[in-house]
Amino acid sequence: MFTGIISDIGEVLSVEPRGDTRLTIACGCEPETIAIGASIACSGVCLTAIETGRRDGRNWFAVEASAETLQRTTLGAWRPGTRVNLERPLKLGDELGGHIVSGHVDGLAEIVAIEREGDSRRFRFRLPPGLAPFIASKGSVALDGISLTVNEVEARDFGVNVISHTLAVTAWGNAEPGQAVNVEVDMLARYVARLREFSPT
């Protein structure tokens, strides 16, 4: 489990198709602190570390992504140089600064507009029709692994305000309209919707 509070910005070093696709990602943490088999949220996608090391003075870890993951997330478009939001898993007793995030991406949204509001940015996103019912004003959503509060909702579009600190410590500092982002809806919304399918009529 994660909280949606990004701890590091990684950079894709290599993408190697090997049945499943192997991605090597540079990171700020020491390789010795990443256990083989540990989960790491990579722009909101929960992946498993399969190898760690140092290369040319940079720390890195490697993960594998299945064809399903590449198709349903932004990982299929990652190339060397792609910046990645990283979060290590929540430990018992850690502060829950964002909201409960599983790292299971529900789909993709598109950035349709970015507007300056003081030092912050107002991002507007467009969802696929199937995800729109799960987004509510003042509710939580994880976008590229970042825990954010929804400001307003209109049909398939919704907006969030991103403060300057978040822009500085995530890969969104150079985000642009037209860019796709990974969406994980609030876990409570997902289960409420599922329960309603079985509610007596």
C-alpha atoms as a PDB file:
ATOM      1  CA  MET A   1       0.000   0.000   0.000  1.00  0.00           C
ATOM      2  CA  PHE A   2       1.029   3.591  -0.675  1.00  0.00           C
ATOM      3  CA  THR A   3      -0.106   7.085   0.294  1.00  0.00           C
ATOM      4  CA  GLY A   4       0.369   9.075  -2.903  1.00  0.00           C
ATOM      5  CA  ILE A   5       3.167  11.186  -1.383  1.00  0.00           C
ATOM      6  CA  ILE A   6       6.035  11.063  -3.893  1.00  0.00           C
ATOM      7  CA  SER A   7       9.449  10.482  -2.324  1.00  0.00           C
ATOM      8  CA  ASP A   8      11.735  10.608  -5.364  1.00  0.00           C
ATOM      9  CA  ILE A   9      11.832  11.373  -9.080  1.00  0.00           C
ATOM     10  CA  GLY A  10      13.337   8.527 -11.076  1.00  0.00           C
ATOM     11  CA  GLU A  11      14.528   8.418 -14.673  1.00  0.00           C
ATOM     12  CA  VAL A  12      14.134   5.521 -17.071  1.00  0.00           C
ATOM     13  CA  LEU A  13      17.587   4.321 -18.116  1.00  0.00           C
ATOM     14  CA  SER A  14      16.586   1.468 -20.421  1.00  0.00           C
ATOM     15  CA  VAL A  15      13.561  -0.398 -21.791  1.00  0.00           C
ATOM     16  CA  GLU A  16      14.207  -3.976 -22.883  1.00  0.00           C
ATOM     17  CA  PRO A  17      11.493  -6.236 -24.337  1.00  0.00           C
ATOM     18  CA  ARG A  18      12.135  -9.740 -22.973  1.00  0.00           C
ATOM     19  CA  GLY A  19       8.743 -11.430 -23.116  1.00  0.00           C
ATOM     20  CA  ASP A  20       7.736  -9.137 -20.301  1.00  0.00           C
ATOM     21  CA  THR A  21       9.397  -5.739 -20.653  1.00  0.00           C
ATOM     22  CA  ARG A  22      12.281  -4.954 -18.316  1.00  0.00           C
ATOM     23  CA  LEU A  23      12.682  -1.332 -17.255  1.00  0.00           C
ATOM     24  CA  THR A  24      15.732  -0.003 -15.453  1.00  0.00           C
ATOM     25  CA  ILE A  25      15.051   3.161 -13.458  1.00  0.00           C
ATOM     26  CA  ALA A  26      17.570   5.491 -11.801  1.00  0.00           C
ATOM     27  CA  CYS A  27      16.639   6.532  -8.262  1.00  0.00           C
ATOM     28  CA  GLY A  28      17.978   8.555  -5.360  1.00  0.00           C
ATOM     29  CA  CYS A  29      17.910   5.811  -2.726  1.00  0.00           C
ATOM     30  CA  GLU A  30      20.770   3.424  -2.045  1.00  0.00           C
ATOM     31  CA  PRO A  31      20.376   0.050  -3.819  1.00  0.00           C
ATOM     32  CA  GLU A  32      20.991  -1.756  -0.504  1.00  0.00           C
ATOM     33  CA  THR A  33      17.749  -0.300   0.875  1.00  0.00           C
ATOM     34  CA  ILE A  34      15.632  -1.910  -1.871  1.00  0.00           C
ATOM     35  CA  ALA A  35      14.892  -5.567  -1.180  1.00  0.00           C
ATOM     36  CA  ILE A  36      14.527  -7.851  -4.184  1.00  0.00           C
ATOM     37  CA  GLY A  37      10.790  -8.539  -4.420  1.00  0.00           C
ATOM     38  CA  ALA A  38       9.863  -5.205  -2.820  1.00  0.00           C
ATOM     39  CA  SER A  39       7.039  -3.125  -4.272  1.00  0.00           C
ATOM     40  CA  ILE A  40       7.729   0.349  -5.664  1.00  0.00           C
ATOM     41  CA  ALA A  41       5.047   2.637  -7.089  1.00  0.00           C
ATOM     42  CA  CYS A  42       6.311   4.002 -10.411  1.00  0.00           C
ATOM     43  CA  SER A  43       4.074   6.891 -11.497  1.00  0.00           C
ATOM     44  CA  GLY A  44       1.269   5.141  -9.662  1.00  0.00           C
ATOM     45  CA  VAL A  45       1.903   1.617 -10.957  1.00  0.00           C
ATOM     46  CA  CYS A  46       2.883  -0.937  -8.311  1.00  0.00           C
ATOM     47  CA  LEU A  47       5.887  -2.859  -9.676  1.00  0.00           C
ATOM     48  CA  THR A  48       8.286  -5.385  -8.160  1.00  0.00           C
ATOM     49  CA  ALA A  49      12.032  -4.753  -7.874  1.00  0.00           C
ATOM     50  CA  ILE A  50      13.900  -7.667  -9.476  1.00  0.00           C
ATOM     51  CA  GLU A  51      17.450  -6.281  -9.434  1.00  0.00           C
ATOM     52  CA  THR A  52      19.341  -3.272  -8.071  1.00  0.00           C
ATOM     53  CA  GLY A  53      22.769  -1.761  -8.608  1.00  0.00           C
ATOM     54  CA  ARG A  54      24.902   1.241  -9.537  1.00  0.00           C
ATOM     55  CA  ARG A  55      25.858   2.368 -13.022  1.00  0.00           C
ATOM     56  CA  ASP A  56      28.053   5.326 -13.918  1.00  0.00           C
ATOM     57  CA  GLY A  57      27.635   6.699 -10.413  1.00  0.00           C
ATOM     58  CA  ARG A  58      23.843   6.385 -10.448  1.00  0.00           C
ATOM     59  CA  ASN A  59      21.713   4.097  -8.283  1.00  0.00           C
ATOM     60  CA  TRP A  60      19.088   2.035 -10.096  1.00  0.00           C
ATOM     61  CA  PHE A  61      16.518  -0.721  -9.772  1.00  0.00           C
ATOM     62  CA  ALA A  62      14.921  -2.923 -12.421  1.00  0.00           C
ATOM     63  CA  VAL A  63      11.299  -4.057 -12.762  1.00  0.00           C
ATOM     64  CA  GLU A  64       9.298  -6.102 -15.240  1.00  0.00           C
ATOM     65  CA  ALA A  65       5.991  -5.017 -16.779  1.00  0.00           C
ATOM     66  CA  SER A  66       3.564  -7.372 -18.510  1.00  0.00           C
ATOM     67  CA  ALA A  67       1.835  -6.626 -21.816  1.00  0.00           C
ATOM     68  CA  GLU A  68      -1.359  -5.927 -19.835  1.00  0.00           C
ATOM     69  CA  THR A  69       0.420  -3.292 -17.732  1.00  0.00           C
ATOM     70  CA  LEU A  70       1.988  -1.667 -20.793  1.00  0.00           C
ATOM     71  CA  GLN A  71      -1.410  -1.480 -22.505  1.00  0.00           C
ATOM     72  CA  ARG A  72      -3.410  -0.100 -19.579  1.00  0.00           C
ATOM     73  CA  THR A  73      -0.917   2.426 -18.194  1.00  0.00           C
ATOM     74  CA  THR A  74       1.526   5.022 -19.469  1.00  0.00           C
ATOM     75  CA  LEU A  75       4.406   2.530 -19.169  1.00  0.00           C
ATOM     76  CA  GLY A  76       3.996   1.511 -22.804  1.00  0.00           C
ATOM     77  CA  ALA A  77       5.173   4.987 -23.817  1.00  0.00           C
ATOM     78  CA  TRP A  78       8.158   5.156 -21.453  1.00  0.00           C
ATOM     79  CA  ARG A  79      11.549   5.600 -23.069  1.00  0.00           C
ATOM     80  CA  PRO A  80      15.064   6.317 -21.742  1.00  0.00           C
ATOM     81  CA  GLY A  81      14.914   9.762 -20.158  1.00  0.00           C
ATOM     82  CA  THR A  82      11.261   9.531 -19.063  1.00  0.00           C
ATOM     83  CA  ARG A  83      10.866  11.009 -15.573  1.00  0.00           C
ATOM     84  CA  VAL A  84       8.981   8.814 -13.101  1.00  0.00           C
ATOM     85  CA  ASN A  85       7.288   9.549  -9.764  1.00  0.00           C
ATOM     86  CA  LEU A  86       8.528   7.046  -7.173  1.00  0.00           C
ATOM     87  CA  GLU A  87       7.093   5.996  -3.821  1.00  0.00           C
ATOM     88  CA  ARG A  88       8.232   3.218  -1.509  1.00  0.00           C
ATOM     89  CA  PRO A  89       5.499   1.185   0.236  1.00  0.00           C
ATOM     90  CA  LEU A  90       3.870   2.307   3.450  1.00  0.00           C
ATOM     91  CA  LYS A  91       5.263   0.805   6.674  1.00  0.00           C
ATOM     92  CA  LEU A  92       3.186   0.122   9.764  1.00  0.00           C
ATOM     93  CA  GLY A  93       3.306   3.266  11.893  1.00  0.00           C
ATOM     94  CA  ASP A  94       4.176   5.631   9.012  1.00  0.00           C
ATOM     95  CA  GLU A  95       2.312   8.919   8.726  1.00  0.00           C
ATOM     96  CA  LEU A  96      -0.570   8.709   6.256  1.00  0.00           C
ATOM     97  CA  GLY A  97      -0.055  12.028   4.513  1.00  0.00           C
ATOM     98  CA  GLY A  98      -2.197  11.470   1.407  1.00  0.00           C
ATOM     99  CA  HIS A  99      -4.799   8.711   1.091  1.00  0.00           C
ATOM    100  CA  ILE A 100      -4.694   4.927   0.758  1.00  0.00           C
ATOM    101  CA  VAL A 101      -3.357   4.063  -2.715  1.00  0.00           C
ATOM    102  CA  SER A 102      -2.983   0.477  -3.934  1.00  0.00           C
ATOM    103  CA  GLY A 103      -0.871   1.044  -7.043  1.00  0.00           C
ATOM    104  CA  HIS A 104      -3.513  -0.654  -9.220  1.00  0.00           C
ATOM    105  CA  VAL A 105      -4.213   1.756 -12.080  1.00  0.00           C
ATOM    106  CA  ASP A 106      -7.830   1.943 -13.264  1.00  0.00           C
ATOM    107  CA  GLY A 107      -7.151   3.697 -16.554  1.00  0.00           C
ATOM    108  CA  LEU A 108      -5.733   6.766 -18.259  1.00  0.00           C
ATOM    109  CA  ALA A 109      -6.818  10.405 -18.220  1.00  0.00           C
ATOM    110  CA  GLU A 110      -5.665  13.174 -20.535  1.00  0.00           C
ATOM    111  CA  ILE A 111      -4.414  16.571 -19.417  1.00  0.00           C
ATOM    112  CA  VAL A 112      -6.644  18.971 -21.365  1.00  0.00           C
ATOM    113  CA  ALA A 113      -5.491  22.276 -19.821  1.00  0.00           C
ATOM    114  CA  ILE A 114      -2.948  23.740 -17.402  1.00  0.00           C
ATOM    115  CA  GLU A 115      -3.485  27.276 -16.079  1.00  0.00           C
ATOM    116  CA  ARG A 116      -1.355  29.350 -13.725  1.00  0.00           C
ATOM    117  CA  GLU A 117      -3.023  30.343 -10.423  1.00  0.00           C
ATOM    118  CA  GLY A 118      -0.455  32.323  -8.432  1.00  0.00           C
ATOM    119  CA  ASP A 119       2.436  29.936  -7.734  1.00  0.00           C
ATOM    120  CA  SER A 120       0.146  26.940  -8.288  1.00  0.00           C
ATOM    121  CA  ARG A 121      -1.200  25.325 -11.448  1.00  0.00           C
ATOM    122  CA  ARG A 122      -4.800  24.332 -12.148  1.00  0.00           C
ATOM    123  CA  PHE A 123      -4.810  21.072 -14.097  1.00  0.00           C
ATOM    124  CA  ARG A 124      -7.905  19.921 -15.962  1.00  0.00           C
ATOM    125  CA  PHE A 125      -8.242  16.270 -16.964  1.00  0.00           C
ATOM    126  CA  ARG A 126     -10.594  14.250 -19.178  1.00  0.00           C
ATOM    127  CA  LEU A 127     -11.519  10.728 -18.121  1.00  0.00           C
ATOM    128  CA  PRO A 128     -12.709   7.752 -20.169  1.00  0.00           C
ATOM    129  CA  PRO A 129     -16.491   7.320 -19.694  1.00  0.00           C
ATOM    130  CA  GLY A 130     -16.156   4.270 -17.447  1.00  0.00           C
ATOM    131  CA  LEU A 131     -14.135   6.119 -14.799  1.00  0.00           C
ATOM    132  CA  ALA A 132     -16.117   9.366 -14.656  1.00  0.00           C
ATOM    133  CA  PRO A 133     -18.652   8.136 -12.045  1.00  0.00           C
ATOM    134  CA  PHE A 134     -15.840   7.430  -9.550  1.00  0.00           C
ATOM    135  CA  ILE A 135     -14.578  11.026  -9.359  1.00  0.00           C
ATOM    136  CA  ALA A 136     -16.346  13.413  -6.957  1.00  0.00           C
ATOM    137  CA  SER A 137     -15.748  17.019  -5.977  1.00  0.00           C
ATOM    138  CA  LYS A 138     -13.541  17.220  -2.845  1.00  0.00           C
ATOM    139  CA  GLY A 139     -12.802  13.506  -3.116  1.00  0.00           C
ATOM    140  CA  SER A 140      -9.353  11.950  -3.488  1.00  0.00           C
ATOM    141  CA  VAL A 141      -7.704  10.652  -6.643  1.00  0.00           C
ATOM    142  CA  ALA A 142      -4.201   9.371  -7.450  1.00  0.00           C
ATOM    143  CA  LEU A 143      -2.755  10.715 -10.715  1.00  0.00           C
ATOM    144  CA  ASP A 144       0.639   9.330 -11.764  1.00  0.00           C
ATOM    145  CA  GLY A 145       0.859   8.173  -8.147  1.00  0.00           C
ATOM    146  CA  ILE A 146       0.260  11.665  -6.668  1.00  0.00           C
ATOM    147  CA  SER A 147      -2.497  11.970  -4.049  1.00  0.00           C
ATOM    148  CA  LEU A 148      -4.662  14.948  -5.030  1.00  0.00           C
ATOM    149  CA  THR A 149      -7.982  16.497  -4.041  1.00  0.00           C
ATOM    150  CA  VAL A 150     -10.576  16.986  -6.771  1.00  0.00           C
ATOM    151  CA  ASN A 151     -11.695  20.619  -6.971  1.00  0.00           C
ATOM    152  CA  GLU A 152     -14.540  20.397  -9.446  1.00  0.00           C
ATOM    153  CA  VAL A 153     -16.201  17.881 -11.755  1.00  0.00           C
ATOM    154  CA  GLU A 154     -18.090  18.455 -15.002  1.00  0.00           C
ATOM    155  CA  ALA A 155     -19.197  15.391 -16.943  1.00  0.00           C
ATOM    156  CA  ARG A 156     -15.944  13.541 -17.845  1.00  0.00           C
ATOM    157  CA  ASP A 157     -13.694  16.486 -16.910  1.00  0.00           C
ATOM    158  CA  PHE A 158     -12.326  17.346 -13.495  1.00  0.00           C
ATOM    159  CA  GLY A 159      -9.826  19.792 -12.087  1.00  0.00           C
ATOM    160  CA  VAL A 160      -7.167  19.741  -9.386  1.00  0.00           C
ATOM    161  CA  ASN A 161      -4.900  22.442  -8.004  1.00  0.00           C
ATOM    162  CA  VAL A 162      -1.191  21.513  -7.851  1.00  0.00           C
ATOM    163  CA  ILE A 163       0.940  23.624  -5.530  1.00  0.00           C
ATOM    164  CA  SER A 164       4.474  24.719  -6.414  1.00  0.00           C
ATOM    165  CA  HIS A 165       6.029  22.231  -3.954  1.00  0.00           C
ATOM    166  CA  THR A 166       4.316  19.308  -5.686  1.00  0.00           C
ATOM    167  CA  LEU A 167       5.444  20.580  -9.082  1.00  0.00           C
ATOM    168  CA  ALA A 168       9.031  20.747  -7.777  1.00  0.00           C
ATOM    169  CA  VAL A 169       9.177  17.271  -6.181  1.00  0.00           C
ATOM    170  CA  THR A 170       7.314  15.286  -8.867  1.00  0.00           C
ATOM    171  CA  ALA A 171       7.687  14.697 -12.588  1.00  0.00           C
ATOM    172  CA  TRP A 172       4.859  17.130 -13.284  1.00  0.00           C
ATOM    173  CA  GLY A 173       7.080  20.196 -13.437  1.00  0.00           C
ATOM    174  CA  ASN A 174       7.203  19.814 -17.221  1.00  0.00           C
ATOM    175  CA  ALA A 175       3.713  18.353 -17.790  1.00  0.00           C
ATOM    176  CA  GLU A 176       1.858  19.506 -20.917  1.00  0.00           C
ATOM    177  CA  PRO A 177      -1.704  19.378 -22.296  1.00  0.00           C
ATOM    178  CA  GLY A 178      -2.283  16.205 -24.290  1.00  0.00           C
ATOM    179  CA  GLN A 179      -0.190  14.118 -21.913  1.00  0.00           C
ATOM    180  CA  ALA A 180      -1.724  10.893 -20.550  1.00  0.00           C
ATOM    181  CA  VAL A 181      -1.616  10.150 -16.806  1.00  0.00           C
ATOM    182  CA  ASN A 182      -2.303   7.032 -14.775  1.00  0.00           C
ATOM    183  CA  VAL A 183      -5.522   7.214 -12.742  1.00  0.00           C
ATOM    184  CA  GLU A 184      -6.351   5.278  -9.599  1.00  0.00           C
ATOM    185  CA  VAL A 185      -9.771   6.162  -8.217  1.00  0.00           C
ATOM    186  CA  ASP A 186     -10.408   6.295  -4.493  1.00  0.00           C
ATOM    187  CA  MET A 187     -10.678   2.776  -3.083  1.00  0.00           C
ATOM    188  CA  LEU A 188     -13.879   3.590  -1.190  1.00  0.00           C
ATOM    189  CA  ALA A 189     -15.567   4.797  -4.393  1.00  0.00           C
ATOM    190  CA  ARG A 190     -14.602   1.568  -6.151  1.00  0.00           C
ATOM    191  CA  TYR A 191     -16.139  -0.657  -3.471  1.00  0.00           C
ATOM    192  CA  VAL A 192     -19.278   1.452  -3.092  1.00  0.00           C
ATOM    193  CA  ALA A 193     -19.880   1.146  -6.829  1.00  0.00           C
ATOM    194  CA  ARG A 194     -19.359  -2.608  -6.690  1.00  0.00           C
ATOM    195  CA  LEU A 195     -21.758  -2.990  -3.748  1.00  0.00           C
ATOM    196  CA  ARG A 196     -24.424  -1.006  -5.577  1.00  0.00           C
ATOM    197  CA  GLU A 197     -24.352  -3.560  -8.378  1.00  0.00           C
ATOM    198  CA  PHE A 198     -25.662  -6.127  -5.907  1.00  0.00           C
ATOM    199  CA  SER A 199     -28.054  -3.924  -3.953  1.00  0.00           C
ATOM    200  CA  PRO A 200     -31.671  -5.174  -3.869  1.00  0.00           C
ATOM    201  CA  THR A 201     -33.951  -3.300  -6.273  1.00  0.00           C
END
